[in-house]
Amino acid sequence: MSSLELVVKYNKADLSRLQPHLANWVKTHAYIRQMETTEVNMLELRKMMSVEIDTRGNVQIVTRLRSRFIAMRKQLEDQLLFSKLAAEG
């Protein structure tokens, strides 16, 4: 699997848990907005993208999920990078 691949495998439990949040744009937005920036939630977003692509394929929802994923990744990368600078400084 490519390191750029955002689509991941998910199981039936993931599908049952995530599909209600993907029912419409409002539910998706409300769910991902409250997510804390963690690696666990980044995986959750990747699973959500995968479920959406495999089921309904709503481009707007996939785009929003991807945007939130990228924002989380950037925040975590910045935290890691600048914590190293602070430790050495």
N, C-alpha and C. Protein backbone atom coordinates (compact mmCIF):
# COMPACT_ATOMS: atom_id res chain seq x y z
N MET A 1 0.85 -1.19 0.00
CA MET A 1 0.00 0.00 0.00
C MET A 1 0.88 1.24 0.00
N SER A 2 0.55 2.20 -0.81
CA SER A 2 1.29 3.45 -0.91
C SER A 2 1.11 4.28 0.36
N SER A 3 2.14 5.02 0.73
CA SER A 3 2.03 5.89 1.90
C SER A 3 1.07 7.04 1.65
N LEU A 4 0.69 7.24 0.39
CA LEU A 4 -0.27 8.29 0.05
C LEU A 4 -1.71 7.78 0.04
N GLU A 5 -1.89 6.48 0.17
CA GLU A 5 -3.22 5.88 0.11
C GLU A 5 -4.05 6.28 1.32
N LEU A 6 -5.19 6.87 1.07
CA LEU A 6 -6.08 7.27 2.16
C LEU A 6 -7.18 6.24 2.40
N VAL A 7 -7.43 5.38 1.42
CA VAL A 7 -8.46 4.37 1.57
C VAL A 7 -7.87 3.20 2.36
N VAL A 8 -8.59 2.77 3.39
CA VAL A 8 -8.13 1.68 4.24
C VAL A 8 -9.21 0.62 4.36
N LYS A 9 -8.82 -0.53 4.87
CA LYS A 9 -9.79 -1.59 5.11
C LYS A 9 -10.55 -1.28 6.39
N TYR A 10 -11.78 -1.71 6.41
CA TYR A 10 -12.62 -1.56 7.61
C TYR A 10 -13.44 -2.83 7.75
N ASN A 11 -13.94 -3.06 8.95
CA ASN A 11 -14.72 -4.27 9.18
C ASN A 11 -16.20 -3.94 9.35
N LYS A 12 -17.00 -4.97 9.57
CA LYS A 12 -18.44 -4.76 9.70
C LYS A 12 -18.79 -3.88 10.90
N ALA A 13 -18.03 -4.02 11.98
CA ALA A 13 -18.27 -3.18 13.16
C ALA A 13 -18.01 -1.71 12.83
N ASP A 14 -16.93 -1.44 12.09
CA ASP A 14 -16.64 -0.07 11.65
C ASP A 14 -17.78 0.46 10.79
N LEU A 15 -18.23 -0.36 9.86
CA LEU A 15 -19.31 0.04 8.96
C LEU A 15 -20.56 0.40 9.74
N SER A 16 -20.95 -0.44 10.68
CA SER A 16 -22.15 -0.18 11.49
C SER A 16 -21.99 1.08 12.33
N ARG A 17 -20.79 1.29 12.85
CA ARG A 17 -20.54 2.46 13.71
C ARG A 17 -20.48 3.76 12.91
N LEU A 18 -19.91 3.71 11.71
CA LEU A 18 -19.66 4.94 10.95
C LEU A 18 -20.79 5.34 10.01
N GLN A 19 -21.54 4.39 9.48
CA GLN A 19 -22.58 4.74 8.51
C GLN A 19 -23.59 5.76 9.03
N PRO A 20 -24.04 5.69 10.29
CA PRO A 20 -24.99 6.71 10.74
C PRO A 20 -24.42 8.14 10.66
N HIS A 21 -23.12 8.28 10.82
CA HIS A 21 -22.48 9.61 10.74
C HIS A 21 -22.34 10.08 9.30
N LEU A 22 -22.50 9.17 8.36
CA LEU A 22 -22.36 9.50 6.94
C LEU A 22 -23.71 9.61 6.24
N ALA A 23 -24.79 9.60 7.01
CA ALA A 23 -26.13 9.62 6.42
C ALA A 23 -26.39 10.89 5.61
N ASN A 24 -25.84 11.99 6.06
CA ASN A 24 -25.97 13.25 5.31
C ASN A 24 -24.87 14.20 5.74
N TRP A 25 -24.75 15.28 4.99
CA TRP A 25 -23.68 16.25 5.21
C TRP A 25 -23.68 16.82 6.62
N VAL A 26 -24.85 17.14 7.15
CA VAL A 26 -24.95 17.77 8.48
C VAL A 26 -24.42 16.82 9.55
N LYS A 27 -24.80 15.55 9.49
CA LYS A 27 -24.33 14.58 10.48
C LYS A 27 -22.82 14.37 10.37
N THR A 28 -22.33 14.29 9.15
CA THR A 28 -20.89 14.10 8.95
C THR A 28 -20.12 15.28 9.51
N HIS A 29 -20.55 16.49 9.17
CA HIS A 29 -19.87 17.69 9.64
C HIS A 29 -19.87 17.77 11.17
N ALA A 30 -21.01 17.51 11.79
CA ALA A 30 -21.12 17.57 13.25
C ALA A 30 -20.18 16.56 13.90
N TYR A 31 -20.09 15.37 13.34
CA TYR A 31 -19.26 14.32 13.92
C TYR A 31 -17.77 14.65 13.81
N ILE A 32 -17.33 15.03 12.62
CA ILE A 32 -15.89 15.26 12.46
C ILE A 32 -15.43 16.57 13.10
N ARG A 33 -16.34 17.49 13.28
CA ARG A 33 -15.97 18.76 13.90
C ARG A 33 -15.58 18.59 15.36
N GLN A 34 -16.21 17.63 16.04
CA GLN A 34 -15.93 17.42 17.46
C GLN A 34 -14.73 16.50 17.70
N MET A 35 -14.15 15.95 16.65
CA MET A 35 -13.01 15.04 16.81
C MET A 35 -11.77 15.78 17.29
N GLU A 36 -11.11 15.18 18.26
CA GLU A 36 -9.83 15.73 18.69
C GLU A 36 -8.76 15.32 17.68
N THR A 37 -7.68 16.06 17.67
CA THR A 37 -6.59 15.79 16.74
C THR A 37 -5.69 14.71 17.33
N THR A 38 -5.94 13.47 16.89
CA THR A 38 -5.15 12.32 17.33
C THR A 38 -4.92 11.39 16.15
N GLU A 39 -3.93 10.53 16.27
CA GLU A 39 -3.69 9.54 15.22
C GLU A 39 -4.86 8.56 15.11
N VAL A 40 -5.48 8.25 16.24
CA VAL A 40 -6.64 7.36 16.24
C VAL A 40 -7.76 7.97 15.40
N ASN A 41 -8.01 9.26 15.57
CA ASN A 41 -9.06 9.92 14.80
C ASN A 41 -8.68 10.09 13.33
N MET A 42 -7.40 10.16 13.04
CA MET A 42 -6.98 10.19 11.64
C MET A 42 -7.33 8.86 10.96
N LEU A 43 -7.13 7.76 11.68
CA LEU A 43 -7.52 6.46 11.14
C LEU A 43 -9.04 6.40 10.98
N GLU A 44 -9.77 6.95 11.95
CA GLU A 44 -11.23 6.99 11.86
C GLU A 44 -11.68 7.74 10.60
N LEU A 45 -11.04 8.86 10.30
CA LEU A 45 -11.38 9.62 9.09
C LEU A 45 -11.07 8.82 7.83
N ARG A 46 -9.98 8.10 7.83
CA ARG A 46 -9.64 7.27 6.67
C ARG A 46 -10.68 6.17 6.48
N LYS A 47 -11.13 5.58 7.58
CA LYS A 47 -12.18 4.57 7.49
C LYS A 47 -13.48 5.19 6.98
N MET A 48 -13.79 6.39 7.46
CA MET A 48 -15.01 7.07 7.00
C MET A 48 -14.94 7.35 5.50
N MET A 49 -13.78 7.79 5.02
CA MET A 49 -13.62 8.02 3.58
C MET A 49 -13.82 6.72 2.81
N SER A 50 -13.25 5.65 3.32
CA SER A 50 -13.37 4.35 2.66
C SER A 50 -14.81 3.89 2.60
N VAL A 51 -15.52 4.01 3.72
CA VAL A 51 -16.93 3.61 3.77
C VAL A 51 -17.75 4.45 2.78
N GLU A 52 -17.53 5.76 2.79
CA GLU A 52 -18.29 6.64 1.89
C GLU A 52 -18.01 6.31 0.43
N ILE A 53 -16.77 6.07 0.09
CA ILE A 53 -16.42 5.73 -1.28
C ILE A 53 -17.07 4.41 -1.70
N ASP A 54 -17.06 3.45 -0.79
CA ASP A 54 -17.62 2.13 -1.11
C ASP A 54 -19.14 2.09 -1.12
N THR A 55 -19.79 3.02 -0.44
CA THR A 55 -21.25 2.96 -0.33
C THR A 55 -21.91 3.99 -1.24
N ARG A 56 -21.98 5.23 -0.82
CA ARG A 56 -22.72 6.23 -1.59
C ARG A 56 -21.84 7.03 -2.54
N GLY A 57 -20.60 7.25 -2.17
CA GLY A 57 -19.69 7.98 -3.04
C GLY A 57 -19.99 9.46 -3.19
N ASN A 58 -20.46 10.08 -2.12
CA ASN A 58 -20.76 11.51 -2.15
C ASN A 58 -19.44 12.30 -2.15
N VAL A 59 -19.14 12.96 -3.24
CA VAL A 59 -17.86 13.66 -3.42
C VAL A 59 -17.70 14.77 -2.37
N GLN A 60 -18.75 15.49 -2.06
CA GLN A 60 -18.65 16.57 -1.08
C GLN A 60 -18.27 16.03 0.31
N ILE A 61 -18.86 14.91 0.69
CA ILE A 61 -18.54 14.33 2.00
C ILE A 61 -17.09 13.82 2.01
N VAL A 62 -16.68 13.13 0.95
CA VAL A 62 -15.31 12.62 0.88
C VAL A 62 -14.33 13.79 0.92
N THR A 63 -14.62 14.85 0.21
CA THR A 63 -13.75 16.04 0.20
C THR A 63 -13.63 16.65 1.58
N ARG A 64 -14.74 16.75 2.30
CA ARG A 64 -14.72 17.32 3.65
C ARG A 64 -13.95 16.43 4.62
N LEU A 65 -14.15 15.12 4.51
CA LEU A 65 -13.40 14.18 5.36
C LEU A 65 -11.90 14.29 5.09
N ARG A 66 -11.54 14.39 3.83
CA ARG A 66 -10.13 14.52 3.45
C ARG A 66 -9.54 15.82 3.98
N SER A 67 -10.30 16.90 3.89
CA SER A 67 -9.83 18.19 4.41
C SER A 67 -9.57 18.13 5.90
N ARG A 68 -10.47 17.48 6.63
CA ARG A 68 -10.30 17.36 8.08
C ARG A 68 -9.09 16.49 8.38
N PHE A 69 -8.90 15.42 7.61
CA PHE A 69 -7.76 14.53 7.79
C PHE A 69 -6.45 15.31 7.58
N ILE A 70 -6.39 16.09 6.51
CA ILE A 70 -5.18 16.86 6.21
C ILE A 70 -4.90 17.88 7.31
N ALA A 71 -5.93 18.53 7.82
CA ALA A 71 -5.75 19.50 8.90
C ALA A 71 -5.20 18.81 10.15
N MET A 72 -5.74 17.65 10.48
CA MET A 72 -5.24 16.90 11.65
C MET A 72 -3.79 16.50 11.45
N ARG A 73 -3.49 15.97 10.27
CA ARG A 73 -2.11 15.54 9.99
C ARG A 73 -1.14 16.72 10.13
N LYS A 74 -1.51 17.86 9.60
CA LYS A 74 -0.66 19.04 9.70
C LYS A 74 -0.45 19.46 11.15
N GLN A 75 -1.51 19.45 11.93
CA GLN A 75 -1.39 19.81 13.34
C GLN A 75 -0.44 18.87 14.07
N LEU A 76 -0.60 17.57 13.85
CA LEU A 76 0.26 16.59 14.52
C LEU A 76 1.71 16.70 14.05
N GLU A 77 1.92 16.92 12.76
CA GLU A 77 3.27 17.11 12.25
C GLU A 77 3.91 18.35 12.85
N ASP A 78 3.15 19.45 12.94
CA ASP A 78 3.67 20.68 13.53
C ASP A 78 4.02 20.49 14.99
N GLN A 79 3.16 19.80 15.73
CA GLN A 79 3.43 19.55 17.15
C GLN A 79 4.73 18.77 17.32
N LEU A 80 4.89 17.73 16.51
CA LEU A 80 6.09 16.91 16.59
C LEU A 80 7.34 17.70 16.21
N LEU A 81 7.28 18.40 15.11
CA LEU A 81 8.42 19.17 14.63
C LEU A 81 8.84 20.24 15.62
N PHE A 82 7.89 21.03 16.08
CA PHE A 82 8.24 22.15 16.96
C PHE A 82 8.56 21.70 18.38
N SER A 83 8.08 20.53 18.79
CA SER A 83 8.49 20.01 20.09
C SER A 83 9.97 19.61 20.05
N LYS A 84 10.43 19.15 18.89
CA LYS A 84 11.85 18.81 18.74
C LYS A 84 12.71 20.07 18.80
N LEU A 85 12.23 21.13 18.19
CA LEU A 85 12.96 22.40 18.23
C LEU A 85 13.04 22.93 19.66
N ALA A 86 11.96 22.84 20.38
CA ALA A 86 11.93 23.34 21.76
C ALA A 86 12.85 22.50 22.65
N ALA A 87 12.93 21.18 22.39
CA ALA A 87 13.76 20.30 23.18
C ALA A 87 15.25 20.57 22.95
N GLU A 88 15.60 20.98 21.73
CA GLU A 88 16.99 21.24 21.41
C GLU A 88 17.42 22.67 21.71
N GLY A 89 16.44 23.55 21.86
CA GLY A 89 16.74 24.97 22.02
C GLY A 89 17.02 25.42 23.39
